[in-house]
Structure formats: C-alpha cells, structure tokens
Amino acid sequence: MTTPPDVAGTAALAICESLMLALNDHKILPEREIVGILRDAASAHENDDGKDGHAELHRAVAQLINIIIAGGNSVRRP
C-alpha cells in the first residue's frame, strides 16, 4: 500500500480540528479564543522571513488557516 502525499499533515489537521471542536463543545475555550489561536498560527506563517527556503509553503499554510477561519470549520457556528 502506498502512502498518499502529506498524510501526516492531513491527519494533524483533522486531529487539531477535532480537539478545537471538543474544547469549544465542553466550554473549555470559547469561539473567540479558538479563532485567536488560528489567527496566531496564520500570522506566524504570514510573517515568516522565508530564510528556511519554504516561503511558498508558509504562504500556503497561512492561506489555508485563513480559509478555515472564514469557513468556521474549527468552530460550530449556527
């Protein structure tokens, strides 16, 4: 069986999303805190200096996180 590309990244995203939903469902973290965490993560990648040679990857990661924020995937919104 061949492992599809970026299986680790996809698994990590699914796990993190489930954790954020559970934290919100159990009223451990409110939606604004979860969105703040996501914004911080996006900002870290947006502000990356690209010295590691992965500037395109960092831009893509920031873009994906911002799409998740806009889509509400990690918080259950009515």
PDB file of N, CA and C in Angstrom:
ATOM      1  N   MET A   1       0.845  -1.177   0.000  1.00  0.00           N
ATOM      2  CA  MET A   1       0.000   0.000   0.000  1.00  0.00           C
ATOM      3  C   MET A   1       0.894   1.245   0.000  1.00  0.00           C
ATOM      4  N   THR A   2       0.588   2.182  -0.859  1.00  0.00           N
ATOM      5  CA  THR A   2       1.354   3.416  -0.967  1.00  0.00           C
ATOM      6  C   THR A   2       0.710   4.497  -0.104  1.00  0.00           C
ATOM      7  N   THR A   3       1.532   5.223   0.632  1.00  0.00           N
ATOM      8  CA  THR A   3       1.032   6.312   1.466  1.00  0.00           C
ATOM      9  C   THR A   3       0.802   7.538   0.591  1.00  0.00           C
ATOM     10  N   PRO A   4      -0.405   8.118   0.643  1.00  0.00           N
ATOM     11  CA  PRO A   4      -0.664   9.323  -0.153  1.00  0.00           C
ATOM     12  C   PRO A   4       0.206  10.483   0.323  1.00  0.00           C
ATOM     13  N   PRO A   5       0.456  11.463  -0.553  1.00  0.00           N
ATOM     14  CA  PRO A   5       1.272  12.604  -0.145  1.00  0.00           C
ATOM     15  C   PRO A   5       0.610  13.390   0.985  1.00  0.00           C
ATOM     16  N   ASP A   6       1.416  13.864   1.891  1.00  0.00           N
ATOM     17  CA  ASP A   6       1.013  14.708   3.015  1.00  0.00           C
ATOM     18  C   ASP A   6      -0.035  14.079   3.927  1.00  0.00           C
ATOM     19  N   VAL A   7       0.053  12.786   4.099  1.00  0.00           N
ATOM     20  CA  VAL A   7      -0.882  12.118   5.000  1.00  0.00           C
ATOM     21  C   VAL A   7      -0.698  12.612   6.431  1.00  0.00           C
ATOM     22  N   ALA A   8       0.529  12.889   6.837  1.00  0.00           N
ATOM     23  CA  ALA A   8       0.783  13.373   8.198  1.00  0.00           C
ATOM     24  C   ALA A   8       0.141  14.737   8.424  1.00  0.00           C
ATOM     25  N   GLY A   9       0.258  15.630   7.454  1.00  0.00           N
ATOM     26  CA  GLY A   9      -0.340  16.958   7.570  1.00  0.00           C
ATOM     27  C   GLY A   9      -1.856  16.892   7.624  1.00  0.00           C
ATOM     28  N   THR A  10      -2.430  16.035   6.813  1.00  0.00           N
ATOM     29  CA  THR A  10      -3.884  15.886   6.799  1.00  0.00           C
ATOM     30  C   THR A  10      -4.379  15.301   8.117  1.00  0.00           C
ATOM     31  N   ALA A  11      -3.664  14.322   8.634  1.00  0.00           N
ATOM     32  CA  ALA A  11      -4.039  13.728   9.921  1.00  0.00           C
ATOM     33  C   ALA A  11      -3.919  14.765  11.042  1.00  0.00           C
ATOM     34  N   ALA A  12      -2.843  15.546  11.031  1.00  0.00           N
ATOM     35  CA  ALA A  12      -2.648  16.568  12.063  1.00  0.00           C
ATOM     36  C   ALA A  12      -3.765  17.603  12.018  1.00  0.00           C
ATOM     37  N   LEU A  13      -4.157  18.030  10.825  1.00  0.00           N
ATOM     38  CA  LEU A  13      -5.240  18.999  10.686  1.00  0.00           C
ATOM     39  C   LEU A  13      -6.547  18.429  11.239  1.00  0.00           C
ATOM     40  N   ALA A  14      -6.855  17.192  10.911  1.00  0.00           N
ATOM     41  CA  ALA A  14      -8.092  16.566  11.391  1.00  0.00           C
ATOM     42  C   ALA A  14      -8.098  16.437  12.913  1.00  0.00           C
ATOM     43  N   ILE A  15      -6.960  16.042  13.485  1.00  0.00           N
ATOM     44  CA  ILE A  15      -6.859  15.897  14.939  1.00  0.00           C
ATOM     45  C   ILE A  15      -7.023  17.252  15.627  1.00  0.00           C
ATOM     46  N   CYS A  16      -6.326  18.259  15.122  1.00  0.00           N
ATOM     47  CA  CYS A  16      -6.416  19.596  15.731  1.00  0.00           C
ATOM     48  C   CYS A  16      -7.827  20.158  15.633  1.00  0.00           C
ATOM     49  N   GLU A  17      -8.463  19.955  14.494  1.00  0.00           N
ATOM     50  CA  GLU A  17      -9.826  20.448  14.336  1.00  0.00           C
ATOM     51  C   GLU A  17     -10.764  19.761  15.328  1.00  0.00           C
ATOM     52  N   SER A  18     -10.614  18.450  15.489  1.00  0.00           N
ATOM     53  CA  SER A  18     -11.447  17.722  16.448  1.00  0.00           C
ATOM     54  C   SER A  18     -11.206  18.207  17.876  1.00  0.00           C
ATOM     55  N   LEU A  19      -9.946  18.468  18.206  1.00  0.00           N
ATOM     56  CA  LEU A  19      -9.629  18.977  19.547  1.00  0.00           C
ATOM     57  C   LEU A  19     -10.253  20.344  19.780  1.00  0.00           C
ATOM     58  N   MET A  20     -10.181  21.223  18.799  1.00  0.00           N
ATOM     59  CA  MET A  20     -10.765  22.558  18.951  1.00  0.00           C
ATOM     60  C   MET A  20     -12.277  22.472  19.102  1.00  0.00           C
ATOM     61  N   LEU A  21     -12.912  21.602  18.329  1.00  0.00           N
ATOM     62  CA  LEU A  21     -14.358  21.432  18.457  1.00  0.00           C
ATOM     63  C   LEU A  21     -14.716  20.908  19.851  1.00  0.00           C
ATOM     64  N   ALA A  22     -13.945  19.942  20.339  1.00  0.00           N
ATOM     65  CA  ALA A  22     -14.216  19.387  21.670  1.00  0.00           C
ATOM     66  C   ALA A  22     -14.002  20.442  22.754  1.00  0.00           C
ATOM     67  N   LEU A  23     -12.937  21.231  22.648  1.00  0.00           N
ATOM     68  CA  LEU A  23     -12.681  22.290  23.628  1.00  0.00           C
ATOM     69  C   LEU A  23     -13.825  23.303  23.651  1.00  0.00           C
ATOM     70  N   ASN A  24     -14.361  23.598  22.481  1.00  0.00           N
ATOM     71  CA  ASN A  24     -15.479  24.540  22.405  1.00  0.00           C
ATOM     72  C   ASN A  24     -16.769  23.889  22.911  1.00  0.00           C
ATOM     73  N   ASP A  25     -17.036  22.658  22.509  1.00  0.00           N
ATOM     74  CA  ASP A  25     -18.255  21.950  22.936  1.00  0.00           C
ATOM     75  C   ASP A  25     -18.325  21.806  24.452  1.00  0.00           C
ATOM     76  N   HIS A  26     -17.182  21.582  25.087  1.00  0.00           N
ATOM     77  CA  HIS A  26     -17.141  21.392  26.537  1.00  0.00           C
ATOM     78  C   HIS A  26     -16.915  22.696  27.292  1.00  0.00           C
ATOM     79  N   LYS A  27     -17.015  23.784  26.538  1.00  0.00           N
ATOM     80  CA  LYS A  27     -16.916  25.135  27.108  1.00  0.00           C
ATOM     81  C   LYS A  27     -15.589  25.375  27.842  1.00  0.00           C
ATOM     82  N   ILE A  28     -14.538  24.756  27.319  1.00  0.00           N
ATOM     83  CA  ILE A  28     -13.199  24.970  27.860  1.00  0.00           C
ATOM     84  C   ILE A  28     -12.571  26.200  27.208  1.00  0.00           C
ATOM     85  N   LEU A  29     -12.793  26.338  25.909  1.00  0.00           N
ATOM     86  CA  LEU A  29     -12.340  27.521  25.166  1.00  0.00           C
ATOM     87  C   LEU A  29     -13.507  28.084  24.375  1.00  0.00           C
ATOM     88  N   PRO A  30     -13.751  29.383  24.503  1.00  0.00           N
ATOM     89  CA  PRO A  30     -14.810  29.989  23.698  1.00  0.00           C
ATOM     90  C   PRO A  30     -14.351  30.159  22.245  1.00  0.00           C
ATOM     91  N   GLU A  31     -15.311  30.368  21.371  1.00  0.00           N
ATOM     92  CA  GLU A  31     -15.025  30.523  19.943  1.00  0.00           C
ATOM     93  C   GLU A  31     -13.974  31.599  19.686  1.00  0.00           C
ATOM     94  N   ARG A  32     -14.054  32.720  20.391  1.00  0.00           N
ATOM     95  CA  ARG A  32     -13.108  33.817  20.137  1.00  0.00           C
ATOM     96  C   ARG A  32     -11.672  33.387  20.436  1.00  0.00           C
ATOM     97  N   GLU A  33     -11.477  32.535  21.441  1.00  0.00           N
ATOM     98  CA  GLU A  33     -10.133  32.046  21.765  1.00  0.00           C
ATOM     99  C   GLU A  33      -9.628  31.099  20.674  1.00  0.00           C
ATOM    100  N   ILE A  34     -10.498  30.254  20.190  1.00  0.00           N
ATOM    101  CA  ILE A  34     -10.117  29.318  19.132  1.00  0.00           C
ATOM    102  C   ILE A  34      -9.746  30.084  17.868  1.00  0.00           C
ATOM    103  N   VAL A  35     -10.555  31.065  17.514  1.00  0.00           N
ATOM    104  CA  VAL A  35     -10.244  31.895  16.347  1.00  0.00           C
ATOM    105  C   VAL A  35      -8.933  32.643  16.578  1.00  0.00           C
ATOM    106  N   GLY A  36      -8.695  33.095  17.801  1.00  0.00           N
ATOM    107  CA  GLY A  36      -7.436  33.763  18.126  1.00  0.00           C
ATOM    108  C   GLY A  36      -6.236  32.850  17.936  1.00  0.00           C
ATOM    109  N   ILE A  37      -6.370  31.594  18.345  1.00  0.00           N
ATOM    110  CA  ILE A  37      -5.297  30.615  18.160  1.00  0.00           C
ATOM    111  C   ILE A  37      -5.016  30.438  16.673  1.00  0.00           C
ATOM    112  N   LEU A  38      -6.082  30.306  15.888  1.00  0.00           N
ATOM    113  CA  LEU A  38      -5.915  30.145  14.441  1.00  0.00           C
ATOM    114  C   LEU A  38      -5.275  31.379  13.819  1.00  0.00           C
ATOM    115  N   ARG A  39      -5.697  32.556  14.254  1.00  0.00           N
ATOM    116  CA  ARG A  39      -5.101  33.792  13.723  1.00  0.00           C
ATOM    117  C   ARG A  39      -3.617  33.886  14.060  1.00  0.00           C
ATOM    118  N   ASP A  40      -3.265  33.500  15.274  1.00  0.00           N
ATOM    119  CA  ASP A  40      -1.856  33.495  15.670  1.00  0.00           C
ATOM    120  C   ASP A  40      -1.043  32.550  14.784  1.00  0.00           C
ATOM    121  N   ALA A  41      -1.604  31.383  14.527  1.00  0.00           N
ATOM    122  CA  ALA A  41      -0.905  30.411  13.682  1.00  0.00           C
ATOM    123  C   ALA A  41      -0.731  30.951  12.262  1.00  0.00           C
ATOM    124  N   ALA A  42      -1.788  31.558  11.721  1.00  0.00           N
ATOM    125  CA  ALA A  42      -1.697  32.136  10.377  1.00  0.00           C
ATOM    126  C   ALA A  42      -0.666  33.249  10.349  1.00  0.00           C
ATOM    127  N   SER A  43      -0.687  34.089  11.359  1.00  0.00           N
ATOM    128  CA  SER A  43       0.244  35.215  11.431  1.00  0.00           C
ATOM    129  C   SER A  43       1.691  34.750  11.487  1.00  0.00           C
ATOM    130  N   ALA A  44       1.950  33.681  12.221  1.00  0.00           N
ATOM    131  CA  ALA A  44       3.313  33.154  12.310  1.00  0.00           C
ATOM    132  C   ALA A  44       3.827  32.769  10.929  1.00  0.00           C
ATOM    133  N   HIS A  45       2.962  32.202  10.111  1.00  0.00           N
ATOM    134  CA  HIS A  45       3.377  31.807   8.756  1.00  0.00           C
ATOM    135  C   HIS A  45       3.408  33.001   7.809  1.00  0.00           C
ATOM    136  N   GLU A  46       2.491  33.941   7.977  1.00  0.00           N
ATOM    137  CA  GLU A  46       2.495  35.146   7.131  1.00  0.00           C
ATOM    138  C   GLU A  46       3.751  35.975   7.371  1.00  0.00           C
ATOM    139  N   ASN A  47       4.231  35.986   8.591  1.00  0.00           N
ATOM    140  CA  ASN A  47       5.381  36.807   8.949  1.00  0.00           C
ATOM    141  C   ASN A  47       6.711  36.057   8.861  1.00  0.00           C
ATOM    142  N   ASP A  48       6.680  34.835   8.373  1.00  0.00           N
ATOM    143  CA  ASP A  48       7.912  34.071   8.237  1.00  0.00           C
ATOM    144  C   ASP A  48       8.830  34.762   7.227  1.00  0.00           C
ATOM    145  N   ASP A  49      10.099  34.825   7.553  1.00  0.00           N
ATOM    146  CA  ASP A  49      11.037  35.543   6.692  1.00  0.00           C
ATOM    147  C   ASP A  49      11.482  34.743   5.469  1.00  0.00           C
ATOM    148  N   GLY A  50      11.123  33.490   5.387  1.00  0.00           N
ATOM    149  CA  GLY A  50      11.453  32.679   4.222  1.00  0.00           C
ATOM    150  C   GLY A  50      12.894  32.213   4.176  1.00  0.00           C
ATOM    151  N   LYS A  51      13.659  32.472   5.224  1.00  0.00           N
ATOM    152  CA  LYS A  51      15.066  32.077   5.245  1.00  0.00           C
ATOM    153  C   LYS A  51      15.257  30.564   5.227  1.00  0.00           C
ATOM    154  N   ASP A  52      14.209  29.843   5.589  1.00  0.00           N
ATOM    155  CA  ASP A  52      14.319  28.380   5.589  1.00  0.00           C
ATOM    156  C   ASP A  52      14.117  27.781   4.203  1.00  0.00           C
ATOM    157  N   GLY A  53      13.871  28.658   3.208  1.00  0.00           N
ATOM    158  CA  GLY A  53      13.680  28.185   1.844  1.00  0.00           C
ATOM    159  C   GLY A  53      12.285  27.663   1.552  1.00  0.00           C
ATOM    160  N   HIS A  54      11.360  27.911   2.463  1.00  0.00           N
ATOM    161  CA  HIS A  54       9.999  27.399   2.300  1.00  0.00           C
ATOM    162  C   HIS A  54       8.966  28.521   2.320  1.00  0.00           C
ATOM    163  N   ALA A  55       9.303  29.654   1.728  1.00  0.00           N
ATOM    164  CA  ALA A  55       8.396  30.810   1.742  1.00  0.00           C
ATOM    165  C   ALA A  55       7.044  30.470   1.118  1.00  0.00           C
ATOM    166  N   GLU A  56       7.046  29.727   0.023  1.00  0.00           N
ATOM    167  CA  GLU A  56       5.790  29.365  -0.650  1.00  0.00           C
ATOM    168  C   GLU A  56       4.930  28.484   0.252  1.00  0.00           C
ATOM    169  N   LEU A  57       5.557  27.564   0.956  1.00  0.00           N
ATOM    170  CA  LEU A  57       4.832  26.697   1.885  1.00  0.00           C
ATOM    171  C   LEU A  57       4.197  27.523   2.994  1.00  0.00           C
ATOM    172  N   HIS A  58       4.958  28.468   3.567  1.00  0.00           N
ATOM    173  CA  HIS A  58       4.425  29.303   4.648  1.00  0.00           C
ATOM    174  C   HIS A  58       3.232  30.140   4.172  1.00  0.00           C
ATOM    175  N   ARG A  59       3.325  30.677   2.967  1.00  0.00           N
ATOM    176  CA  ARG A  59       2.191  31.446   2.416  1.00  0.00           C
ATOM    177  C   ARG A  59       0.967  30.550   2.244  1.00  0.00           C
ATOM    178  N   ALA A  60       1.175  29.343   1.756  1.00  0.00           N
ATOM    179  CA  ALA A  60       0.063  28.415   1.548  1.00  0.00           C
ATOM    180  C   ALA A  60      -0.566  27.998   2.875  1.00  0.00           C
ATOM    181  N   VAL A  61       0.265  27.769   3.888  1.00  0.00           N
ATOM    182  CA  VAL A  61      -0.253  27.400   5.213  1.00  0.00           C
ATOM    183  C   VAL A  61      -1.094  28.541   5.777  1.00  0.00           C
ATOM    184  N   ALA A  62      -0.578  29.762   5.701  1.00  0.00           N
ATOM    185  CA  ALA A  62      -1.328  30.925   6.196  1.00  0.00           C
ATOM    186  C   ALA A  62      -2.654  31.063   5.459  1.00  0.00           C
ATOM    187  N   GLN A  63      -2.615  30.873   4.147  1.00  0.00           N
ATOM    188  CA  GLN A  63      -3.839  30.978   3.352  1.00  0.00           C
ATOM    189  C   GLN A  63      -4.858  29.916   3.779  1.00  0.00           C
ATOM    190  N   LEU A  64      -4.415  28.692   3.979  1.00  0.00           N
ATOM    191  CA  LEU A  64      -5.330  27.624   4.395  1.00  0.00           C
ATOM    192  C   LEU A  64      -5.934  27.921   5.762  1.00  0.00           C
ATOM    193  N   ILE A  65      -5.118  28.378   6.702  1.00  0.00           N
ATOM    194  CA  ILE A  65      -5.635  28.710   8.036  1.00  0.00           C
ATOM    195  C   ILE A  65      -6.671  29.822   7.942  1.00  0.00           C
ATOM    196  N   ASN A  66      -6.405  30.827   7.129  1.00  0.00           N
ATOM    197  CA  ASN A  66      -7.377  31.919   6.958  1.00  0.00           C
ATOM    198  C   ASN A  66      -8.670  31.436   6.309  1.00  0.00           C
ATOM    199  N   ILE A  67      -8.581  30.467   5.427  1.00  0.00           N
ATOM    200  CA  ILE A  67      -9.786  29.863   4.832  1.00  0.00           C
ATOM    201  C   ILE A  67     -10.573  29.112   5.905  1.00  0.00           C
ATOM    202  N   ILE A  68      -9.871  28.404   6.777  1.00  0.00           N
ATOM    203  CA  ILE A  68     -10.533  27.686   7.875  1.00  0.00           C
ATOM    204  C   ILE A  68     -11.247  28.673   8.790  1.00  0.00           C
ATOM    205  N   ILE A  69     -10.593  29.788   9.109  1.00  0.00           N
ATOM    206  CA  ILE A  69     -11.226  30.807   9.951  1.00  0.00           C
ATOM    207  C   ILE A  69     -12.491  31.334   9.278  1.00  0.00           C
ATOM    208  N   ALA A  70     -12.390  31.683   8.017  1.00  0.00           N
ATOM    209  CA  ALA A  70     -13.534  32.243   7.282  1.00  0.00           C
ATOM    210  C   ALA A  70     -14.666  31.235   7.153  1.00  0.00           C
ATOM    211  N   GLY A  71     -14.307  29.950   7.000  1.00  0.00           N
ATOM    212  CA  GLY A  71     -15.324  28.915   6.811  1.00  0.00           C
ATOM    213  C   GLY A  71     -15.913  28.395   8.096  1.00  0.00           C
ATOM    214  N   GLY A  72     -15.278  28.701   9.217  1.00  0.00           N
ATOM    215  CA  GLY A  72     -15.796  28.245  10.500  1.00  0.00           C
ATOM    216  C   GLY A  72     -15.634  26.762  10.718  1.00  0.00           C
ATOM    217  N   ASN A  73     -14.676  26.108  10.058  1.00  0.00           N
ATOM    218  CA  ASN A  73     -14.521  24.675  10.184  1.00  0.00           C
ATOM    219  C   ASN A  73     -14.165  24.203  11.577  1.00  0.00           C
ATOM    220  N   SER A  74     -13.445  24.996  12.341  1.00  0.00           N
ATOM    221  CA  SER A  74     -12.982  24.524  13.646  1.00  0.00           C
ATOM    222  C   SER A  74     -13.841  25.010  14.806  1.00  0.00           C
ATOM    223  N   VAL A  75     -14.949  25.648  14.475  1.00  0.00           N
ATOM    224  CA  VAL A  75     -15.923  26.039  15.493  1.00  0.00           C
ATOM    225  C   VAL A  75     -17.292  25.768  14.914  1.00  0.00           C
ATOM    226  N   ARG A  76     -18.169  25.265  15.732  1.00  0.00           N
ATOM    227  CA  ARG A  76     -19.528  25.013  15.238  1.00  0.00           C
ATOM    228  C   ARG A  76     -20.317  26.304  15.326  1.00  0.00           C
ATOM    229  N   ARG A  77     -20.594  26.865  14.184  1.00  0.00           N
ATOM    230  CA  ARG A  77     -21.360  28.107  14.140  1.00  0.00           C
ATOM    231  C   ARG A  77     -22.748  27.815  13.596  1.00  0.00           C
ATOM    232  N   PRO A  78     -23.747  28.473  14.163  1.00  0.00           N
ATOM    233  CA  PRO A  78     -25.121  28.217  13.690  1.00  0.00           C
ATOM    234  C   PRO A  78     -25.312  28.708  12.267  1.00  0.00           C
TER     235      PRO A  78
END
